[in-house]
C-alpha atoms as a PDB file:
ATOM      1  CA  UNK A   1     123.469 111.086  90.659  1.00  0.00           C
ATOM      2  CA  UNK A   2     120.094 109.323  90.605  1.00  0.00           C
ATOM      3  CA  UNK A   3     118.535 108.865  94.055  1.00  0.00           C
ATOM      4  CA  UNK A   4     114.935 108.053  93.077  1.00  0.00           C
ATOM      5  CA  UNK A   5     113.515 105.716  90.402  1.00  0.00           C
ATOM      6  CA  UNK A   6     109.792 105.788  89.642  1.00  0.00           C
ATOM      7  CA  UNK A   7     107.969 103.522  87.211  1.00  0.00           C
ATOM      8  CA  UNK A   8     104.452 103.037  85.951  1.00  0.00           C
ATOM      9  CA  UNK A   9     103.165  99.448  86.152  1.00  0.00           C
ATOM     10  CA  UNK A  10     100.641  98.435  83.453  1.00  0.00           C
ATOM     11  CA  UNK A  11     102.160  98.484  79.980  1.00  0.00           C
ATOM     12  CA  UNK A  12     105.524  99.507  81.436  1.00  0.00           C
ATOM     13  CA  UNK A  13     106.535  96.763  83.880  1.00  0.00           C
ATOM     14  CA  UNK A  14     103.889  94.126  83.098  1.00  0.00           C
ATOM     15  CA  UNK A  15     101.043  93.378  80.658  1.00  0.00           C
ATOM     16  CA  UNK A  16      97.917  95.500  81.195  1.00  0.00           C
ATOM     17  CA  UNK A  17      95.508  94.109  83.791  1.00  0.00           C
ATOM     18  CA  UNK A  18      97.697  91.258  85.063  1.00  0.00           C
ATOM     19  CA  UNK A  19     100.100  90.535  87.918  1.00  0.00           C
ATOM     20  CA  UNK A  20     102.681  88.907  85.627  1.00  0.00           C
ATOM     21  CA  UNK A  21     105.700  90.966  86.653  1.00  0.00           C
ATOM     22  CA  UNK A  22     109.245  89.774  86.028  1.00  0.00           C
ATOM     23  CA  UNK A  23     110.466  88.672  89.498  1.00  0.00           C
ATOM     24  CA  UNK A  24     113.895  90.110  88.685  1.00  0.00           C
ATOM     25  CA  UNK A  25     112.426  93.506  89.637  1.00  0.00           C
ATOM     26  CA  UNK A  26     112.465  92.473  93.304  1.00  0.00           C
ATOM     27  CA  UNK A  27     116.217  91.884  93.276  1.00  0.00           C
ATOM     28  CA  UNK A  28     116.744  95.123  91.364  1.00  0.00           C
ATOM     29  CA  UNK A  29     114.752  97.049  93.999  1.00  0.00           C
ATOM     30  CA  UNK A  30     116.892  95.498  96.756  1.00  0.00           C
ATOM     31  CA  UNK A  31     120.091  96.390  94.878  1.00  0.00           C
ATOM     32  CA  UNK A  32     118.885  99.954  94.362  1.00  0.00           C
ATOM     33  CA  UNK A  33     118.147 100.248  98.080  1.00  0.00           C
ATOM     34  CA  UNK A  34     121.665  99.060  98.917  1.00  0.00           C
ATOM     35  CA  UNK A  35     123.003 101.890  96.733  1.00  0.00           C
ATOM     36  CA  UNK A  36     120.773 104.430  98.480  1.00  0.00           C
ATOM     37  CA  UNK A  37     118.280 104.700  95.606  1.00  0.00           C
ATOM     38  CA  UNK A  38     114.553 104.603  96.452  1.00  0.00           C
ATOM     39  CA  UNK A  39     112.080 102.862  94.125  1.00  0.00           C
ATOM     40  CA  UNK A  40     108.562 104.232  93.619  1.00  0.00           C
ATOM     41  CA  UNK A  41     105.779 102.282  91.893  1.00  0.00           C
ATOM     42  CA  UNK A  42     103.207 104.580  90.237  1.00  0.00           C
ATOM     43  CA  UNK A  43      99.877 103.487  88.811  1.00  0.00           C
ATOM     44  CA  UNK A  44      96.208 104.131  88.310  1.00  0.00           C
ATOM     45  CA  UNK A  45      95.727 100.920  90.288  1.00  0.00           C
ATOM     46  CA  UNK A  46      94.386 100.709  93.815  1.00  0.00           C
ATOM     47  CA  UNK A  47      96.995 100.424  96.590  1.00  0.00           C
ATOM     48  CA  UNK A  48      95.909  96.859  97.452  1.00  0.00           C
ATOM     49  CA  UNK A  49      96.495  95.797  93.847  1.00  0.00           C
ATOM     50  CA  UNK A  50      99.926  97.428  93.716  1.00  0.00           C
ATOM     51  CA  UNK A  51     100.996  95.921  97.026  1.00  0.00           C
ATOM     52  CA  UNK A  52     100.007  92.477  95.740  1.00  0.00           C
ATOM     53  CA  UNK A  53     102.300  92.895  92.718  1.00  0.00           C
ATOM     54  CA  UNK A  54     105.257  94.069  94.819  1.00  0.00           C
ATOM     55  CA  UNK A  55     104.584  91.976  97.946  1.00  0.00           C
ATOM     56  CA  UNK A  56     108.179  90.649  98.373  1.00  0.00           C
ATOM     57  CA  UNK A  57     109.521  94.225  98.575  1.00  0.00           C
ATOM     58  CA  UNK A  58     106.364  96.132  99.546  1.00  0.00           C
ATOM     59  CA  UNK A  59     107.919  97.636 102.679  1.00  0.00           C
ATOM     60  CA  UNK A  60     110.993  98.809 100.761  1.00  0.00           C
ATOM     61  CA  UNK A  61     109.211 101.067  98.253  1.00  0.00           C
ATOM     62  CA  UNK A  62     106.725 103.937  97.985  1.00  0.00           C
ATOM     63  CA  UNK A  63     103.405 103.557  96.167  1.00  0.00           C
ATOM     64  CA  UNK A  64     101.819 106.320  94.088  1.00  0.00           C
ATOM     65  CA  UNK A  65      98.366 104.731  93.808  1.00  0.00           C
ATOM     66  CA  UNK A  66      95.333 105.733  91.759  1.00  0.00           C
ATOM     67  CA  UNK A  67      97.184 108.260  89.617  1.00  0.00           C
ATOM     68  CA  UNK A  68      98.558 110.173  92.584  1.00  0.00           C
ATOM     69  CA  UNK A  69      95.368 110.543  94.610  1.00  0.00           C
ATOM     70  CA  UNK A  70      96.652 108.101  97.261  1.00  0.00           C
ATOM     71  CA  UNK A  71     100.351 107.851  98.240  1.00  0.00           C
ATOM     72  CA  UNK A  72     101.422 105.097 100.630  1.00  0.00           C
ATOM     73  CA  UNK A  73     104.660 104.025 102.307  1.00  0.00           C
ATOM     74  CA  UNK A  74     104.986 100.984 104.604  1.00  0.00           C
ATOM     75  CA  UNK A  75     101.225 100.884 105.052  1.00  0.00           C
ATOM     76  CA  UNK A  76     101.051 104.533 106.087  1.00  0.00           C
ATOM     77  CA  UNK A  77      99.280 107.232 104.091  1.00  0.00           C
ATOM     78  CA  UNK A  78     101.551 110.043 102.879  1.00  0.00           C
ATOM     79  CA  UNK A  79      98.800 111.988 101.097  1.00  0.00           C
ATOM     80  CA  UNK A  80      95.262 111.624  99.723  1.00  0.00           C
ATOM     81  CA  UNK A  81      93.000 113.896  97.689  1.00  0.00           C
ATOM     82  CA  UNK A  82      89.204 113.547  97.575  1.00  0.00           C
ATOM     83  CA  UNK A  83      86.848 114.743  94.832  1.00  0.00           C
ATOM     84  CA  UNK A  84      84.226 117.324  95.783  1.00  0.00           C
ATOM     85  CA  UNK A  85      80.997 115.438  96.483  1.00  0.00           C
ATOM     86  CA  UNK A  86      78.797 117.514  94.164  1.00  0.00           C
ATOM     87  CA  UNK A  87      81.257 117.082  91.280  1.00  0.00           C
ATOM     88  CA  UNK A  88      81.538 113.349  91.983  1.00  0.00           C
ATOM     89  CA  UNK A  89      77.751 112.982  91.906  1.00  0.00           C
ATOM     90  CA  UNK A  90      77.495 114.880  88.600  1.00  0.00           C
ATOM     91  CA  UNK A  91      80.273 112.766  87.085  1.00  0.00           C
ATOM     92  CA  UNK A  92      78.597 109.557  88.239  1.00  0.00           C
ATOM     93  CA  UNK A  93      75.340 110.467  86.509  1.00  0.00           C
ATOM     94  CA  UNK A  94      77.241 111.354  83.336  1.00  0.00           C
ATOM     95  CA  UNK A  95      79.174 108.086  83.349  1.00  0.00           C
ATOM     96  CA  UNK A  96      76.009 106.082  83.908  1.00  0.00           C
ATOM     97  CA  UNK A  97      74.613 107.582  80.686  1.00  0.00           C
ATOM     98  CA  UNK A  98      77.506 106.288  78.532  1.00  0.00           C
ATOM     99  CA  UNK A  99      76.932 103.208  76.378  1.00  0.00           C
ATOM    100  CA  UNK A 100      79.011 100.012  76.514  1.00  0.00           C
ATOM    101  CA  UNK A 101      80.880 101.103  79.620  1.00  0.00           C
ATOM    102  CA  UNK A 102      81.426 100.025  83.213  1.00  0.00           C
ATOM    103  CA  UNK A 103      82.302 102.327  86.094  1.00  0.00           C
ATOM    104  CA  UNK A 104      83.789 102.152  89.550  1.00  0.00           C
ATOM    105  CA  UNK A 105      84.484 104.502  92.430  1.00  0.00           C
ATOM    106  CA  UNK A 106      87.499 104.273  94.717  1.00  0.00           C
ATOM    107  CA  UNK A 107      88.225 105.114  98.307  1.00  0.00           C
ATOM    108  CA  UNK A 108      91.750 104.552  99.691  1.00  0.00           C
ATOM    109  CA  UNK A 109      90.546 101.284 101.237  1.00  0.00           C
ATOM    110  CA  UNK A 110      88.044  99.772  98.778  1.00  0.00           C
ATOM    111  CA  UNK A 111      86.898  99.908  95.161  1.00  0.00           C
ATOM    112  CA  UNK A 112      83.090 100.022  94.707  1.00  0.00           C
ATOM    113  CA  UNK A 113      81.015  99.113  91.665  1.00  0.00           C
ATOM    114  CA  UNK A 114      77.314  98.701  90.969  1.00  0.00           C
ATOM    115  CA  UNK A 115      77.445  96.849  87.669  1.00  0.00           C
ATOM    116  CA  UNK A 116      76.294  93.195  87.535  1.00  0.00           C
ATOM    117  CA  UNK A 117      78.918  92.582  84.809  1.00  0.00           C
ATOM    118  CA  UNK A 118      80.794  89.569  86.162  1.00  0.00           C
ATOM    119  CA  UNK A 119      83.494  89.775  83.488  1.00  0.00           C
ATOM    120  CA  UNK A 120      84.324  93.312  84.595  1.00  0.00           C
ATOM    121  CA  UNK A 121      84.349  92.353  88.254  1.00  0.00           C
ATOM    122  CA  UNK A 122      86.607  89.391  87.486  1.00  0.00           C
ATOM    123  CA  UNK A 123      89.034  91.730  85.707  1.00  0.00           C
ATOM    124  CA  UNK A 124      89.227  93.954  88.771  1.00  0.00           C
ATOM    125  CA  UNK A 125      89.523  91.119  91.283  1.00  0.00           C
ATOM    126  CA  UNK A 126      91.437  88.408  89.423  1.00  0.00           C
ATOM    127  CA  UNK A 127      93.400  90.523  86.946  1.00  0.00           C
ATOM    128  CA  UNK A 128      94.273  93.578  89.042  1.00  0.00           C
ATOM    129  CA  UNK A 129      93.726  91.971  92.479  1.00  0.00           C
ATOM    130  CA  UNK A 130      91.784  94.957  93.746  1.00  0.00           C
ATOM    131  CA  UNK A 131      89.755  94.913  96.935  1.00  0.00           C
ATOM    132  CA  UNK A 132      86.244  95.108  95.410  1.00  0.00           C
ATOM    133  CA  UNK A 133      82.770  95.475  96.842  1.00  0.00           C
ATOM    134  CA  UNK A 134      79.581  95.486  94.759  1.00  0.00           C
ATOM    135  CA  UNK A 135      76.842  97.859  95.962  1.00  0.00           C
ATOM    136  CA  UNK A 136      73.393  98.706  94.671  1.00  0.00           C
ATOM    137  CA  UNK A 137      74.097 102.421  94.376  1.00  0.00           C
ATOM    138  CA  UNK A 138      77.416 104.292  94.138  1.00  0.00           C
ATOM    139  CA  UNK A 139      75.871 107.655  95.002  1.00  0.00           C
ATOM    140  CA  UNK A 140      76.382 107.407  98.812  1.00  0.00           C
ATOM    141  CA  UNK A 141      80.099 106.791  98.252  1.00  0.00           C
ATOM    142  CA  UNK A 142      80.602 110.058  96.352  1.00  0.00           C
ATOM    143  CA  UNK A 143      81.247 111.798  99.677  1.00  0.00           C
ATOM    144  CA  UNK A 144      84.696 110.189 100.024  1.00  0.00           C
ATOM    145  CA  UNK A 145      86.161 109.153  96.702  1.00  0.00           C
ATOM    146  CA  UNK A 146      89.704 109.859  95.597  1.00  0.00           C
ATOM    147  CA  UNK A 147      89.270 108.447  92.066  1.00  0.00           C
ATOM    148  CA  UNK A 148      86.470 107.441  89.681  1.00  0.00           C
ATOM    149  CA  UNK A 149      86.992 105.427  86.508  1.00  0.00           C
ATOM    150  CA  UNK A 150      85.135 104.376  83.389  1.00  0.00           C
ATOM    151  CA  UNK A 151      85.982 101.268  81.352  1.00  0.00           C
ATOM    152  CA  UNK A 152      85.278 100.735  77.658  1.00  0.00           C
ATOM    153  CA  UNK A 153      86.814  98.058  75.456  1.00  0.00           C
ATOM    154  CA  UNK A 154      86.996 100.326  72.389  1.00  0.00           C
ATOM    155  CA  UNK A 155      86.891 104.038  71.607  1.00  0.00           C
ATOM    156  CA  UNK A 156      88.413 105.150  74.899  1.00  0.00           C
ATOM    157  CA  UNK A 157      90.389 108.085  73.441  1.00  0.00           C
ATOM    158  CA  UNK A 158      87.254 109.636  71.923  1.00  0.00           C
ATOM    159  CA  UNK A 159      85.309 109.143  75.145  1.00  0.00           C
ATOM    160  CA  UNK A 160      88.150 110.686  77.099  1.00  0.00           C
ATOM    161  CA  UNK A 161      88.085 113.781  74.889  1.00  0.00           C
ATOM    162  CA  UNK A 162      84.321 114.141  75.352  1.00  0.00           C
ATOM    163  CA  UNK A 163      84.505 113.832  79.125  1.00  0.00           C
ATOM    164  CA  UNK A 164      87.495 116.177  79.316  1.00  0.00           C
ATOM    165  CA  UNK A 165      85.457 118.791  77.447  1.00  0.00           C
ATOM    166  CA  UNK A 166      82.780 118.656  80.153  1.00  0.00           C
ATOM    167  CA  UNK A 167      84.831 118.085  83.325  1.00  0.00           C
ATOM    168  CA  UNK A 168      88.351 119.169  82.407  1.00  0.00           C
ATOM    169  CA  UNK A 169      88.203 122.499  84.277  1.00  0.00           C
ATOM    170  CA  UNK A 170      87.150 120.764  87.512  1.00  0.00           C
ATOM    171  CA  UNK A 171      88.840 117.371  87.384  1.00  0.00           C
ATOM    172  CA  UNK A 172      91.994 115.804  86.051  1.00  0.00           C
ATOM    173  CA  UNK A 173      90.623 113.593  83.236  1.00  0.00           C
ATOM    174  CA  UNK A 174      93.275 111.046  82.244  1.00  0.00           C
ATOM    175  CA  UNK A 175      93.187 108.326  79.593  1.00  0.00           C
ATOM    176  CA  UNK A 176      94.975 105.478  81.383  1.00  0.00           C
ATOM    177  CA  UNK A 177      95.793 102.554  79.140  1.00  0.00           C
ATOM    178  CA  UNK A 178      93.723 101.373  76.204  1.00  0.00           C
ATOM    179  CA  UNK A 179      90.430 100.849  78.063  1.00  0.00           C
ATOM    180  CA  UNK A 180      90.287 103.335  80.969  1.00  0.00           C
ATOM    181  CA  UNK A 181      89.521 106.980  81.683  1.00  0.00           C
ATOM    182  CA  UNK A 182      90.343 108.051  85.251  1.00  0.00           C
ATOM    183  CA  UNK A 183      89.076 111.108  87.140  1.00  0.00           C
ATOM    184  CA  UNK A 184      90.854 112.732  90.083  1.00  0.00           C
ATOM    185  CA  UNK A 185      90.844 116.171  91.652  1.00  0.00           C
ATOM    186  CA  UNK A 186      92.070 118.925  89.364  1.00  0.00           C
ATOM    187  CA  UNK A 187      95.845 119.115  89.723  1.00  0.00           C
ATOM    188  CA  UNK A 188      96.153 115.574  91.077  1.00  0.00           C
ATOM    189  CA  UNK A 189      98.370 113.313  88.988  1.00  0.00           C
ATOM    190  CA  UNK A 190     101.427 111.108  89.262  1.00  0.00           C
ATOM    191  CA  UNK A 191     103.704 114.088  88.655  1.00  0.00           C
ATOM    192  CA  UNK A 192     102.393 116.111  91.589  1.00  0.00           C
ATOM    193  CA  UNK A 193     102.519 113.037  93.820  1.00  0.00           C
ATOM    194  CA  UNK A 194     106.125 112.510  92.766  1.00  0.00           C
ATOM    195  CA  UNK A 195     106.845 116.171  93.568  1.00  0.00           C
ATOM    196  CA  UNK A 196     105.494 115.626  97.091  1.00  0.00           C
ATOM    197  CA  UNK A 197     107.789 112.628  97.570  1.00  0.00           C
ATOM    198  CA  UNK A 198     110.780 114.571  96.225  1.00  0.00           C
ATOM    199  CA  UNK A 199     110.079 117.426  98.627  1.00  0.00           C
ATOM    200  CA  UNK A 200     109.705 115.149 101.662  1.00  0.00           C
ATOM    201  CA  UNK A 201     112.841 113.181 100.798  1.00  0.00           C
ATOM    202  CA  UNK A 202     114.833 116.243  99.709  1.00  0.00           C
ATOM    203  CA  UNK A 203     115.527 114.740  96.289  1.00  0.00           C
ATOM    204  CA  UNK A 204     115.728 116.966  93.220  1.00  0.00           C
ATOM    205  CA  UNK A 205     114.178 116.551  89.786  1.00  0.00           C
ATOM    206  CA  UNK A 206     117.675 116.011  88.389  1.00  0.00           C
ATOM    207  CA  UNK A 207     118.200 113.121  90.816  1.00  0.00           C
ATOM    208  CA  UNK A 208     115.060 111.335  89.593  1.00  0.00           C
ATOM    209  CA  UNK A 209     114.572 108.728  86.823  1.00  0.00           C
ATOM    210  CA  UNK A 210     111.068 107.886  85.557  1.00  0.00           C
ATOM    211  CA  UNK A 211     109.502 105.320  83.193  1.00  0.00           C
ATOM    212  CA  UNK A 212     106.030 105.233  81.617  1.00  0.00           C
ATOM    213  CA  UNK A 213     103.873 104.161  78.697  1.00  0.00           C
ATOM    214  CA  UNK A 214     100.702 106.268  78.595  1.00  0.00           C
ATOM    215  CA  UNK A 215      99.322 109.788  78.798  1.00  0.00           C
ATOM    216  CA  UNK A 216      98.699 109.649  82.545  1.00  0.00           C
ATOM    217  CA  UNK A 217     102.485 109.324  82.948  1.00  0.00           C
ATOM    218  CA  UNK A 218     103.313 112.643  81.266  1.00  0.00           C
ATOM    219  CA  UNK A 219     103.323 114.699  84.470  1.00  0.00           C
ATOM    220  CA  UNK A 220     105.544 112.118  86.160  1.00  0.00           C
ATOM    221  CA  UNK A 221     108.083 112.126  83.337  1.00  0.00           C
ATOM    222  CA  UNK A 222     108.214 115.926  83.385  1.00  0.00           C
ATOM    223  CA  UNK A 223     109.111 115.716  87.069  1.00  0.00           C
ATOM    224  CA  UNK A 224     112.193 113.592  86.328  1.00  0.00           C
ATOM    225  CA  UNK A 225     115.567 114.681  85.008  1.00  0.00           C
ATOM    226  CA  UNK A 226     115.976 111.315  83.286  1.00  0.00           C
ATOM    227  CA  UNK A 227     112.672 110.278  81.685  1.00  0.00           C
ATOM    228  CA  UNK A 228     111.996 107.205  79.569  1.00  0.00           C
ATOM    229  CA  UNK A 229     109.086 106.054  77.426  1.00  0.00           C
ATOM    230  CA  UNK A 230     109.009 102.330  76.708  1.00  0.00           C
ATOM    231  CA  UNK A 231     108.905 101.417  73.015  1.00  0.00           C
ATOM    232  CA  UNK A 232     105.220 100.407  73.207  1.00  0.00           C
ATOM    233  CA  UNK A 233     104.240 103.796  74.699  1.00  0.00           C
ATOM    234  CA  UNK A 234     101.516 106.172  73.496  1.00  0.00           C
ATOM    235  CA  UNK A 235     102.881 108.690  70.929  1.00  0.00           C
ATOM    236  CA  UNK A 236     102.166 111.641  73.270  1.00  0.00           C
ATOM    237  CA  UNK A 237     104.182 110.015  76.024  1.00  0.00           C
ATOM    238  CA  UNK A 238     107.094 109.442  73.651  1.00  0.00           C
ATOM    239  CA  UNK A 239     107.074 113.144  72.818  1.00  0.00           C
ATOM    240  CA  UNK A 240     107.270 114.031  76.524  1.00  0.00           C
ATOM    241  CA  UNK A 241     110.157 111.657  77.297  1.00  0.00           C
ATOM    242  CA  UNK A 242     113.840 112.476  76.954  1.00  0.00           C
ATOM    243  CA  UNK A 243     114.825 108.879  76.189  1.00  0.00           C
ATOM    244  CA  UNK A 244     113.408 105.647  74.798  1.00  0.00           C
ATOM    245  CA  UNK A 245     113.591 102.282  76.562  1.00  0.00           C
ATOM    246  CA  UNK A 246     112.913  98.843  75.083  1.00  0.00           C
ATOM    247  CA  UNK A 247     109.314  97.682  75.269  1.00  0.00           C
ATOM    248  CA  UNK A 248     107.533  96.179  78.256  1.00  0.00           C
ATOM    249  CA  UNK A 249     107.697  92.779  76.536  1.00  0.00           C
ATOM    250  CA  UNK A 250     111.509  93.143  76.432  1.00  0.00           C
ATOM    251  CA  UNK A 251     111.704  94.194  80.104  1.00  0.00           C
ATOM    252  CA  UNK A 252     112.914  97.599  78.999  1.00  0.00           C
ATOM    253  CA  UNK A 253     112.749  99.224  82.445  1.00  0.00           C
ATOM    254  CA  UNK A 254     114.878  96.493  83.959  1.00  0.00           C
ATOM    255  CA  UNK A 255     117.380  96.772  81.118  1.00  0.00           C
ATOM    256  CA  UNK A 256     117.827 100.520  81.575  1.00  0.00           C
ATOM    257  CA  UNK A 257     118.141 100.324  85.365  1.00  0.00           C
ATOM    258  CA  UNK A 258     120.746  97.567  85.087  1.00  0.00           C
ATOM    259  CA  UNK A 259     122.715  99.483  82.471  1.00  0.00           C
ATOM    260  CA  UNK A 260     122.505 102.984  83.956  1.00  0.00           C
ATOM    261  CA  UNK A 261     122.379 102.443  87.723  1.00  0.00           C
ATOM    262  CA  UNK A 262     123.606  98.954  88.653  1.00  0.00           C
END
């Protein structure tokens, strides 16, 4: 019997970089709760952005934010993981050297960026609804960052491979969507965050259902007895999933939950 449902957001529940979620999800979350099934939203997004998307039911669910480096429930922190300062500083200098890219650094409370690129800032604030602050220099914030990210409009897979070659033994380097590479502590991902939730709630892998669309969801799907890739998912994610769901555009997650659990 399923007791826990976890789903990625961008590309799985809504279009990448927007807040255009099907409001039916709120009623589904309430119905799941009535049946004793907890819903977990999992994303590379900042907690503030995720809470905005799920505001009508925000106190009824758990948030795996920033690829598992920040886990929140009812406004309370369940776990956080911070990158070693020296590694964060080295990564920052490396990211600054990349061409045609923008970068940001996260703390559990605020997302910081130093770029003057207004289009990028608008994406973060108006598309994702992050809490953003522009600073002159990101270096002082490397002492307390749980996630760092680089944005490029094309060629993100190649860039991800290059950065994984350099930092992959010290950090979890995850291609997240079609334009992002995210960096967290080594071993930190959505799957390990989900494992923490399962342990605290005494819920087994077999009692868990998970949905995703990209490579940063692989660990999460492996931590679920019933795992689904939406039809628009990355080929590697499809290989890791046990089942296929209709695409995000077809509200595939909602269809499967209705059919299998409600």
